[in-house]
């Protein structure tokens, strides 16, 4: 398990680490202007983006909108301001790129549940997670803007059978 500064497979940023889809450029430009990202050094821009997601954003167990269809990045950033970790990771990567910081989308598991009975950490399907990697000061750094309540919300949704399954 790794945390912090990671040695990715391709240590230096690639050209695609700065690309922004044309469909998202307008909304990202508007938010970048509101956050004054162009005027900030990379560490300051990173801090501004993290603060942006801490304000008025929430984790949601449902990645779909009220009609059941997937939300666009604009819907997430401007209207709903809630979603799964995939939305937070994608939006963070794109805002970092808009700020001129190479960024990547990362997926894996948040290993956080220790079983004293089994004397090991447990990794469950609900621990799957997505976050961003930002290339700042010559190294890739993890950036997780998903509200910290996500793990507790996912645990509440777990089956009441879970303790029995763990004993097996």
N, C-alpha and C. Protein backbone atom coordinates (compact mmCIF):
# COMPACT_ATOMS: atom_id res chain seq x y z
N UNK A 1 0.84 -1.18 0.00
CA UNK A 1 0.00 0.00 0.00
C UNK A 1 0.89 1.24 0.00
N UNK A 2 0.48 2.23 -0.74
CA UNK A 2 1.22 3.48 -0.83
C UNK A 2 0.32 4.64 -0.44
N UNK A 3 0.93 5.67 0.05
CA UNK A 3 0.22 6.92 0.31
C UNK A 3 1.22 8.05 0.21
N UNK A 4 0.78 9.18 -0.26
CA UNK A 4 1.66 10.34 -0.34
C UNK A 4 2.25 10.49 -1.72
N UNK A 5 3.55 10.70 -1.79
CA UNK A 5 4.24 10.86 -3.07
C UNK A 5 4.44 9.47 -3.67
N UNK A 6 3.91 9.26 -4.86
CA UNK A 6 3.94 7.94 -5.48
C UNK A 6 4.87 7.88 -6.68
N UNK A 7 5.49 6.73 -6.89
CA UNK A 7 6.27 6.55 -8.11
C UNK A 7 5.39 5.92 -9.20
N UNK A 8 4.75 6.71 -10.06
CA UNK A 8 3.88 6.12 -11.08
C UNK A 8 4.68 5.40 -12.15
N UNK A 9 3.96 4.64 -12.97
CA UNK A 9 4.61 3.89 -14.05
C UNK A 9 5.35 4.84 -15.00
N UNK A 10 4.80 5.99 -15.27
CA UNK A 10 5.44 7.00 -16.12
C UNK A 10 5.67 8.22 -15.23
N UNK A 11 6.89 8.36 -14.69
CA UNK A 11 7.13 9.39 -13.69
C UNK A 11 7.00 10.83 -14.19
N UNK A 12 7.29 11.08 -15.43
CA UNK A 12 7.17 12.44 -15.95
C UNK A 12 5.80 12.63 -16.60
N UNK A 13 5.24 13.83 -16.52
CA UNK A 13 3.95 14.08 -17.17
C UNK A 13 4.03 13.83 -18.68
N UNK A 14 2.95 13.32 -19.20
CA UNK A 14 2.80 13.09 -20.63
C UNK A 14 1.91 14.18 -21.20
N UNK A 15 1.89 14.37 -22.52
CA UNK A 15 1.03 15.41 -23.10
C UNK A 15 -0.45 15.28 -22.71
N UNK A 16 -0.94 14.05 -22.58
CA UNK A 16 -2.36 13.87 -22.23
C UNK A 16 -2.66 14.25 -20.78
N UNK A 17 -1.65 14.44 -19.95
CA UNK A 17 -1.86 14.84 -18.56
C UNK A 17 -2.29 16.30 -18.43
N UNK A 18 -2.37 17.01 -19.56
CA UNK A 18 -2.80 18.41 -19.54
C UNK A 18 -4.02 18.66 -20.43
N UNK A 19 -4.54 17.61 -21.06
CA UNK A 19 -5.65 17.78 -22.00
C UNK A 19 -6.98 17.95 -21.27
N UNK A 20 -7.82 18.81 -21.86
CA UNK A 20 -9.15 19.09 -21.33
C UNK A 20 -10.15 18.89 -22.46
N UNK A 21 -11.21 18.12 -22.22
CA UNK A 21 -12.23 17.95 -23.27
C UNK A 21 -12.88 19.29 -23.61
N UNK A 22 -13.11 19.53 -24.88
CA UNK A 22 -13.71 20.80 -25.30
C UNK A 22 -15.07 21.03 -24.65
N UNK A 23 -15.83 19.97 -24.45
CA UNK A 23 -17.17 20.11 -23.86
C UNK A 23 -17.12 20.65 -22.44
N UNK A 24 -16.02 20.46 -21.74
CA UNK A 24 -15.91 20.91 -20.35
C UNK A 24 -15.13 22.21 -20.20
N UNK A 25 -14.51 22.67 -21.26
CA UNK A 25 -13.60 23.82 -21.17
C UNK A 25 -14.29 25.10 -20.67
N UNK A 26 -15.49 25.34 -21.11
CA UNK A 26 -16.18 26.59 -20.74
C UNK A 26 -16.47 26.64 -19.23
N UNK A 27 -17.06 25.60 -18.69
CA UNK A 27 -17.38 25.61 -17.26
C UNK A 27 -16.10 25.60 -16.42
N UNK A 28 -15.09 24.86 -16.86
CA UNK A 28 -13.82 24.84 -16.13
C UNK A 28 -13.15 26.21 -16.14
N UNK A 29 -13.24 26.90 -17.29
CA UNK A 29 -12.68 28.24 -17.39
C UNK A 29 -13.37 29.22 -16.44
N UNK A 30 -14.69 29.08 -16.33
CA UNK A 30 -15.45 29.95 -15.44
C UNK A 30 -15.04 29.73 -13.98
N UNK A 31 -14.92 28.47 -13.58
CA UNK A 31 -14.55 28.16 -12.19
C UNK A 31 -13.09 28.55 -11.94
N UNK A 32 -12.22 28.28 -12.90
CA UNK A 32 -10.81 28.67 -12.76
C UNK A 32 -10.67 30.18 -12.57
N UNK A 33 -11.50 30.95 -13.30
CA UNK A 33 -11.47 32.41 -13.16
C UNK A 33 -11.97 32.83 -11.77
N UNK A 34 -13.05 32.19 -11.30
CA UNK A 34 -13.58 32.50 -9.97
C UNK A 34 -12.55 32.21 -8.87
N UNK A 35 -11.76 31.15 -9.06
CA UNK A 35 -10.75 30.76 -8.07
C UNK A 35 -9.40 31.46 -8.30
N UNK A 36 -9.30 32.27 -9.37
CA UNK A 36 -8.08 32.97 -9.73
C UNK A 36 -6.89 32.01 -9.87
N UNK A 37 -7.13 30.87 -10.49
CA UNK A 37 -6.10 29.84 -10.61
C UNK A 37 -4.91 30.29 -11.45
N UNK A 38 -5.16 31.09 -12.47
CA UNK A 38 -4.06 31.53 -13.35
C UNK A 38 -3.06 32.41 -12.62
N UNK A 39 -3.48 33.03 -11.52
CA UNK A 39 -2.61 33.94 -10.77
C UNK A 39 -1.83 33.23 -9.66
N UNK A 40 -2.07 31.94 -9.49
CA UNK A 40 -1.49 31.24 -8.35
C UNK A 40 -0.35 30.31 -8.77
N UNK A 41 0.57 30.10 -7.84
CA UNK A 41 1.59 29.08 -8.01
C UNK A 41 0.93 27.71 -7.90
N UNK A 42 1.54 26.64 -8.41
CA UNK A 42 0.89 25.32 -8.37
C UNK A 42 0.38 24.89 -7.00
N UNK A 43 1.17 25.04 -5.95
CA UNK A 43 0.71 24.64 -4.61
C UNK A 43 -0.50 25.46 -4.16
N UNK A 44 -0.51 26.76 -4.50
CA UNK A 44 -1.63 27.63 -4.15
C UNK A 44 -2.88 27.24 -4.94
N UNK A 45 -2.70 26.93 -6.21
CA UNK A 45 -3.84 26.51 -7.04
C UNK A 45 -4.41 25.20 -6.52
N UNK A 46 -3.54 24.28 -6.15
CA UNK A 46 -3.99 23.01 -5.58
C UNK A 46 -4.79 23.25 -4.31
N UNK A 47 -4.32 24.11 -3.44
CA UNK A 47 -5.04 24.42 -2.20
C UNK A 47 -6.38 25.08 -2.50
N UNK A 48 -6.44 25.95 -3.50
CA UNK A 48 -7.70 26.61 -3.85
C UNK A 48 -8.71 25.61 -4.39
N UNK A 49 -8.25 24.65 -5.17
CA UNK A 49 -9.15 23.62 -5.71
C UNK A 49 -9.67 22.73 -4.58
N UNK A 50 -8.79 22.34 -3.66
CA UNK A 50 -9.24 21.52 -2.52
C UNK A 50 -10.26 22.28 -1.68
N UNK A 51 -10.03 23.56 -1.44
CA UNK A 51 -10.97 24.38 -0.67
C UNK A 51 -12.30 24.52 -1.40
N UNK A 52 -12.25 24.65 -2.72
CA UNK A 52 -13.47 24.76 -3.52
C UNK A 52 -14.39 23.56 -3.29
N UNK A 53 -13.82 22.35 -3.26
CA UNK A 53 -14.64 21.16 -3.07
C UNK A 53 -15.09 20.99 -1.63
N UNK A 54 -14.36 21.56 -0.67
CA UNK A 54 -14.80 21.49 0.73
C UNK A 54 -16.03 22.37 0.98
N UNK A 55 -16.23 23.38 0.13
CA UNK A 55 -17.36 24.28 0.28
C UNK A 55 -18.53 23.77 -0.55
N UNK A 56 -19.65 23.55 0.06
CA UNK A 56 -20.91 23.29 -0.64
C UNK A 56 -20.93 22.07 -1.55
N UNK A 57 -20.08 21.09 -1.34
CA UNK A 57 -20.14 19.83 -2.08
C UNK A 57 -20.40 18.70 -1.11
N UNK A 58 -21.11 17.68 -1.57
CA UNK A 58 -21.45 16.55 -0.72
C UNK A 58 -21.27 15.24 -1.47
N UNK A 59 -21.01 14.19 -0.72
CA UNK A 59 -20.90 12.86 -1.30
C UNK A 59 -22.31 12.30 -1.46
N UNK A 60 -22.53 11.57 -2.53
CA UNK A 60 -23.83 10.96 -2.78
C UNK A 60 -23.63 9.49 -3.10
N UNK A 61 -24.52 8.66 -2.60
CA UNK A 61 -24.47 7.23 -2.90
C UNK A 61 -24.97 6.94 -4.31
N UNK A 62 -25.62 7.90 -4.92
CA UNK A 62 -26.15 7.71 -6.27
C UNK A 62 -25.39 8.58 -7.26
N UNK A 63 -24.75 7.95 -8.26
CA UNK A 63 -24.03 8.75 -9.24
C UNK A 63 -24.93 9.37 -10.31
N UNK A 64 -26.23 9.07 -10.26
CA UNK A 64 -27.14 9.57 -11.28
C UNK A 64 -27.91 10.79 -10.79
N UNK A 65 -28.49 11.52 -11.73
CA UNK A 65 -29.33 12.65 -11.37
C UNK A 65 -30.72 12.16 -10.98
N UNK A 66 -31.64 13.07 -10.69
CA UNK A 66 -32.97 12.68 -10.23
C UNK A 66 -33.77 11.91 -11.28
N UNK A 67 -33.40 12.05 -12.56
CA UNK A 67 -34.09 11.31 -13.62
C UNK A 67 -33.42 9.96 -13.89
N UNK A 68 -32.34 9.66 -13.20
CA UNK A 68 -31.68 8.38 -13.35
C UNK A 68 -30.58 8.35 -14.39
N UNK A 69 -30.29 9.47 -15.04
CA UNK A 69 -29.21 9.48 -16.02
C UNK A 69 -27.94 10.06 -15.40
N UNK A 70 -26.82 9.76 -16.01
CA UNK A 70 -25.54 10.27 -15.50
C UNK A 70 -25.48 11.78 -15.60
N UNK A 71 -24.83 12.38 -14.63
CA UNK A 71 -24.65 13.82 -14.62
C UNK A 71 -23.44 14.19 -15.48
N UNK A 72 -23.51 15.35 -16.09
CA UNK A 72 -22.33 15.86 -16.81
C UNK A 72 -21.43 16.53 -15.77
N UNK A 73 -20.20 16.82 -16.19
CA UNK A 73 -19.26 17.49 -15.29
C UNK A 73 -19.81 18.88 -14.91
N UNK A 74 -20.50 19.53 -15.85
CA UNK A 74 -21.10 20.83 -15.55
C UNK A 74 -22.22 20.69 -14.53
N UNK A 75 -23.07 19.66 -14.69
CA UNK A 75 -24.13 19.42 -13.70
C UNK A 75 -23.54 19.26 -12.30
N UNK A 76 -22.46 18.48 -12.23
CA UNK A 76 -21.83 18.22 -10.94
C UNK A 76 -21.22 19.50 -10.35
N UNK A 77 -20.46 20.23 -11.15
CA UNK A 77 -19.74 21.41 -10.64
C UNK A 77 -20.63 22.61 -10.35
N UNK A 78 -21.71 22.76 -11.11
CA UNK A 78 -22.50 23.99 -11.01
C UNK A 78 -23.86 23.78 -10.34
N UNK A 79 -24.52 22.67 -10.65
CA UNK A 79 -25.88 22.51 -10.16
C UNK A 79 -26.00 21.57 -8.95
N UNK A 80 -25.74 20.30 -9.14
CA UNK A 80 -26.00 19.34 -8.06
C UNK A 80 -24.99 19.44 -6.92
N UNK A 81 -23.71 19.61 -7.27
CA UNK A 81 -22.62 19.69 -6.30
C UNK A 81 -22.60 18.49 -5.35
N UNK A 82 -23.04 17.34 -5.87
CA UNK A 82 -22.91 16.10 -5.12
C UNK A 82 -22.73 14.95 -6.09
N UNK A 83 -22.02 13.93 -5.63
CA UNK A 83 -21.79 12.77 -6.49
C UNK A 83 -20.84 11.79 -5.84
N UNK A 84 -20.59 10.72 -6.56
CA UNK A 84 -19.63 9.69 -6.16
C UNK A 84 -18.21 10.21 -6.28
N UNK A 85 -17.27 9.45 -5.79
CA UNK A 85 -15.86 9.83 -5.86
C UNK A 85 -15.39 10.02 -7.30
N UNK A 86 -16.01 9.30 -8.25
CA UNK A 86 -15.62 9.45 -9.65
C UNK A 86 -15.83 10.88 -10.14
N UNK A 87 -16.90 11.51 -9.69
CA UNK A 87 -17.17 12.89 -10.07
C UNK A 87 -16.13 13.83 -9.47
N UNK A 88 -15.83 13.63 -8.18
CA UNK A 88 -14.83 14.48 -7.52
C UNK A 88 -13.46 14.32 -8.18
N UNK A 89 -13.06 13.07 -8.45
CA UNK A 89 -11.76 12.83 -9.05
C UNK A 89 -11.67 13.43 -10.45
N UNK A 90 -12.70 13.21 -11.26
CA UNK A 90 -12.69 13.75 -12.62
C UNK A 90 -12.65 15.27 -12.61
N UNK A 91 -13.50 15.88 -11.81
CA UNK A 91 -13.54 17.35 -11.75
C UNK A 91 -12.23 17.91 -11.22
N UNK A 92 -11.64 17.25 -10.25
CA UNK A 92 -10.36 17.71 -9.70
C UNK A 92 -9.26 17.63 -10.75
N UNK A 93 -9.19 16.52 -11.48
CA UNK A 93 -8.19 16.38 -12.54
C UNK A 93 -8.35 17.50 -13.56
N UNK A 94 -9.57 17.75 -13.99
CA UNK A 94 -9.79 18.76 -15.02
C UNK A 94 -9.49 20.17 -14.52
N UNK A 95 -9.84 20.49 -13.26
CA UNK A 95 -9.52 21.81 -12.72
C UNK A 95 -8.00 21.99 -12.54
N UNK A 96 -7.33 20.94 -12.12
CA UNK A 96 -5.87 21.00 -12.01
C UNK A 96 -5.26 21.28 -13.38
N UNK A 97 -5.73 20.58 -14.38
CA UNK A 97 -5.21 20.79 -15.73
C UNK A 97 -5.51 22.21 -16.21
N UNK A 98 -6.69 22.71 -15.89
CA UNK A 98 -7.05 24.08 -16.28
C UNK A 98 -6.12 25.08 -15.60
N UNK A 99 -5.62 24.73 -14.41
CA UNK A 99 -4.67 25.58 -13.69
C UNK A 99 -3.24 25.41 -14.20
N UNK A 100 -3.07 24.54 -15.20
CA UNK A 100 -1.74 24.32 -15.75
C UNK A 100 -0.94 23.25 -15.03
N UNK A 101 -1.58 22.49 -14.17
CA UNK A 101 -0.92 21.44 -13.40
C UNK A 101 -1.23 20.09 -14.06
N UNK A 102 -0.22 19.36 -14.52
CA UNK A 102 -0.50 18.03 -15.07
C UNK A 102 -1.20 17.17 -14.02
N UNK A 103 -2.21 16.42 -14.44
CA UNK A 103 -2.99 15.63 -13.49
C UNK A 103 -3.46 14.34 -14.13
N UNK A 104 -3.64 13.33 -13.28
CA UNK A 104 -4.12 12.02 -13.69
C UNK A 104 -5.24 11.56 -12.78
N UNK A 105 -6.07 10.68 -13.32
CA UNK A 105 -7.17 10.06 -12.60
C UNK A 105 -6.67 8.72 -12.08
N UNK A 106 -6.88 8.44 -10.80
CA UNK A 106 -6.41 7.19 -10.20
C UNK A 106 -7.56 6.45 -9.55
N UNK A 107 -7.50 5.14 -9.58
CA UNK A 107 -8.50 4.30 -8.93
C UNK A 107 -7.81 3.22 -8.11
N UNK A 108 -8.50 2.76 -7.11
CA UNK A 108 -7.97 1.71 -6.25
C UNK A 108 -8.92 1.48 -5.09
N UNK A 109 -8.36 1.15 -3.97
CA UNK A 109 -9.15 0.89 -2.77
C UNK A 109 -8.60 1.71 -1.61
N UNK A 110 -9.51 2.22 -0.79
CA UNK A 110 -9.14 2.91 0.44
C UNK A 110 -9.18 1.87 1.55
N UNK A 111 -8.03 1.35 1.89
CA UNK A 111 -7.93 0.29 2.90
C UNK A 111 -7.92 0.95 4.27
N UNK A 112 -9.03 0.79 4.98
CA UNK A 112 -9.19 1.51 6.24
C UNK A 112 -9.86 0.69 7.33
N UNK A 113 -10.31 -0.51 7.00
CA UNK A 113 -11.04 -1.32 7.97
C UNK A 113 -10.16 -2.45 8.50
N UNK A 114 -9.83 -2.37 9.77
CA UNK A 114 -8.99 -3.40 10.39
C UNK A 114 -9.86 -4.37 11.18
N UNK A 115 -9.61 -5.65 11.02
CA UNK A 115 -10.31 -6.69 11.77
C UNK A 115 -9.38 -7.23 12.85
N UNK A 116 -9.63 -6.89 14.12
CA UNK A 116 -8.78 -7.42 15.19
C UNK A 116 -8.92 -8.94 15.31
N UNK A 117 -10.10 -9.45 14.95
CA UNK A 117 -10.34 -10.90 15.02
C UNK A 117 -9.46 -11.63 14.01
N UNK A 118 -9.36 -11.08 12.78
CA UNK A 118 -8.54 -11.71 11.74
C UNK A 118 -7.10 -11.17 11.72
N UNK A 119 -6.84 -10.11 12.47
CA UNK A 119 -5.54 -9.45 12.54
C UNK A 119 -5.04 -9.04 11.15
N UNK A 120 -5.94 -8.43 10.41
CA UNK A 120 -5.58 -7.93 9.08
C UNK A 120 -6.59 -6.87 8.64
N UNK A 121 -6.18 -6.11 7.65
CA UNK A 121 -7.08 -5.13 7.06
C UNK A 121 -8.00 -5.84 6.08
N UNK A 122 -9.23 -5.37 6.02
CA UNK A 122 -10.22 -5.94 5.10
C UNK A 122 -10.42 -4.97 3.93
N UNK A 123 -10.51 -5.52 2.75
CA UNK A 123 -10.77 -4.72 1.55
C UNK A 123 -12.07 -5.24 0.96
N UNK A 124 -13.04 -4.35 0.90
CA UNK A 124 -14.36 -4.71 0.40
C UNK A 124 -14.66 -3.95 -0.89
N UNK A 125 -15.67 -4.42 -1.59
CA UNK A 125 -16.09 -3.74 -2.82
C UNK A 125 -16.43 -2.28 -2.55
N UNK A 126 -17.05 -2.01 -1.42
CA UNK A 126 -17.44 -0.64 -1.10
C UNK A 126 -16.25 0.27 -0.79
N UNK A 127 -15.06 -0.30 -0.66
CA UNK A 127 -13.85 0.49 -0.42
C UNK A 127 -13.21 0.97 -1.72
N UNK A 128 -13.80 0.59 -2.86
CA UNK A 128 -13.29 1.09 -4.15
C UNK A 128 -13.38 2.61 -4.15
N UNK A 129 -12.37 3.25 -4.73
CA UNK A 129 -12.32 4.71 -4.64
C UNK A 129 -11.58 5.29 -5.84
N UNK A 130 -11.83 6.54 -6.13
CA UNK A 130 -11.14 7.28 -7.19
C UNK A 130 -10.64 8.60 -6.62
N UNK A 131 -9.48 9.04 -7.10
CA UNK A 131 -8.88 10.29 -6.65
C UNK A 131 -8.01 10.83 -7.78
N UNK A 132 -7.38 11.94 -7.55
CA UNK A 132 -6.53 12.56 -8.57
C UNK A 132 -5.07 12.47 -8.16
N UNK A 133 -4.20 12.54 -9.15
CA UNK A 133 -2.77 12.69 -8.94
C UNK A 133 -2.36 13.99 -9.61
N UNK A 134 -1.63 14.84 -8.90
CA UNK A 134 -1.18 16.13 -9.44
C UNK A 134 0.34 16.15 -9.45
N UNK A 135 0.92 16.63 -10.55
CA UNK A 135 2.37 16.75 -10.66
C UNK A 135 2.77 18.13 -10.16
N UNK A 136 3.24 18.18 -8.91
CA UNK A 136 3.60 19.44 -8.26
C UNK A 136 5.01 19.30 -7.68
N UNK A 137 5.83 20.29 -7.92
CA UNK A 137 7.21 20.31 -7.41
C UNK A 137 7.99 19.06 -7.82
N UNK A 138 7.77 18.61 -9.06
CA UNK A 138 8.55 17.50 -9.60
C UNK A 138 8.13 16.12 -9.16
N UNK A 139 6.97 15.98 -8.51
CA UNK A 139 6.51 14.66 -8.06
C UNK A 139 4.99 14.56 -8.17
N UNK A 140 4.53 13.34 -8.36
CA UNK A 140 3.09 13.08 -8.38
C UNK A 140 2.58 13.01 -6.94
N UNK A 141 1.53 13.76 -6.66
CA UNK A 141 0.95 13.81 -5.32
C UNK A 141 -0.53 13.45 -5.38
N UNK A 142 -0.96 12.68 -4.38
CA UNK A 142 -2.37 12.31 -4.30
C UNK A 142 -3.20 13.51 -3.89
N UNK A 143 -4.34 13.67 -4.55
CA UNK A 143 -5.28 14.74 -4.23
C UNK A 143 -6.66 14.10 -4.16
N UNK A 144 -7.24 14.04 -2.98
CA UNK A 144 -8.56 13.43 -2.82
C UNK A 144 -9.53 14.49 -2.31
N UNK A 145 -10.39 14.95 -3.18
CA UNK A 145 -11.35 16.00 -2.82
C UNK A 145 -12.73 15.43 -2.46
N UNK A 146 -12.88 14.12 -2.51
CA UNK A 146 -14.15 13.51 -2.10
C UNK A 146 -14.35 13.78 -0.61
N UNK A 147 -15.55 14.25 -0.21
CA UNK A 147 -15.78 14.49 1.23
C UNK A 147 -15.48 13.23 2.05
N UNK A 148 -14.88 13.43 3.19
CA UNK A 148 -14.45 12.30 4.03
C UNK A 148 -15.60 11.45 4.54
N UNK A 149 -16.83 11.91 4.38
CA UNK A 149 -17.99 11.14 4.83
C UNK A 149 -18.29 9.95 3.92
N UNK A 150 -17.61 9.85 2.78
CA UNK A 150 -17.95 8.81 1.81
C UNK A 150 -17.85 7.40 2.39
N UNK A 151 -16.81 7.11 3.14
CA UNK A 151 -16.62 5.76 3.67
C UNK A 151 -17.72 5.38 4.65
N UNK A 152 -18.10 6.31 5.51
CA UNK A 152 -19.17 6.04 6.48
C UNK A 152 -20.51 5.83 5.77
N UNK A 153 -20.78 6.62 4.74
CA UNK A 153 -22.02 6.46 3.99
C UNK A 153 -22.06 5.11 3.29
N UNK A 154 -20.95 4.70 2.72
CA UNK A 154 -20.89 3.40 2.05
C UNK A 154 -21.06 2.27 3.07
N UNK A 155 -20.49 2.43 4.26
CA UNK A 155 -20.62 1.40 5.29
C UNK A 155 -22.06 1.26 5.76
N UNK A 156 -22.78 2.37 5.87
CA UNK A 156 -24.19 2.32 6.29
C UNK A 156 -25.03 1.53 5.30
N UNK A 157 -24.61 1.52 4.05
CA UNK A 157 -25.35 0.82 3.01
C UNK A 157 -25.02 -0.68 2.98
N UNK A 158 -24.03 -1.10 3.74
CA UNK A 158 -23.57 -2.50 3.73
C UNK A 158 -24.67 -3.42 4.26
N UNK A 159 -24.61 -4.64 3.82
CA UNK A 159 -25.57 -5.67 4.24
C UNK A 159 -25.44 -5.95 5.73
N UNK A 160 -26.56 -6.23 6.36
CA UNK A 160 -26.52 -6.58 7.78
C UNK A 160 -25.89 -7.97 7.96
N UNK A 161 -25.69 -8.70 6.87
CA UNK A 161 -25.04 -9.99 6.88
C UNK A 161 -23.51 -9.88 7.01
N UNK A 162 -22.98 -8.69 6.83
CA UNK A 162 -21.52 -8.51 6.75
C UNK A 162 -20.77 -9.16 7.91
N UNK A 163 -21.19 -8.98 9.18
CA UNK A 163 -20.44 -9.62 10.28
C UNK A 163 -20.41 -11.17 10.15
N UNK A 164 -21.49 -11.76 9.67
CA UNK A 164 -21.52 -13.21 9.48
C UNK A 164 -20.59 -13.64 8.36
N UNK A 165 -20.57 -12.87 7.28
CA UNK A 165 -19.68 -13.17 6.17
C UNK A 165 -18.21 -13.03 6.60
N UNK A 166 -17.93 -12.07 7.45
CA UNK A 166 -16.57 -11.87 7.93
C UNK A 166 -16.08 -13.05 8.77
N UNK A 167 -16.99 -13.69 9.50
CA UNK A 167 -16.61 -14.78 10.37
C UNK A 167 -16.27 -16.06 9.59
N UNK A 168 -16.68 -16.11 8.32
CA UNK A 168 -16.49 -17.32 7.51
C UNK A 168 -15.15 -17.58 7.00
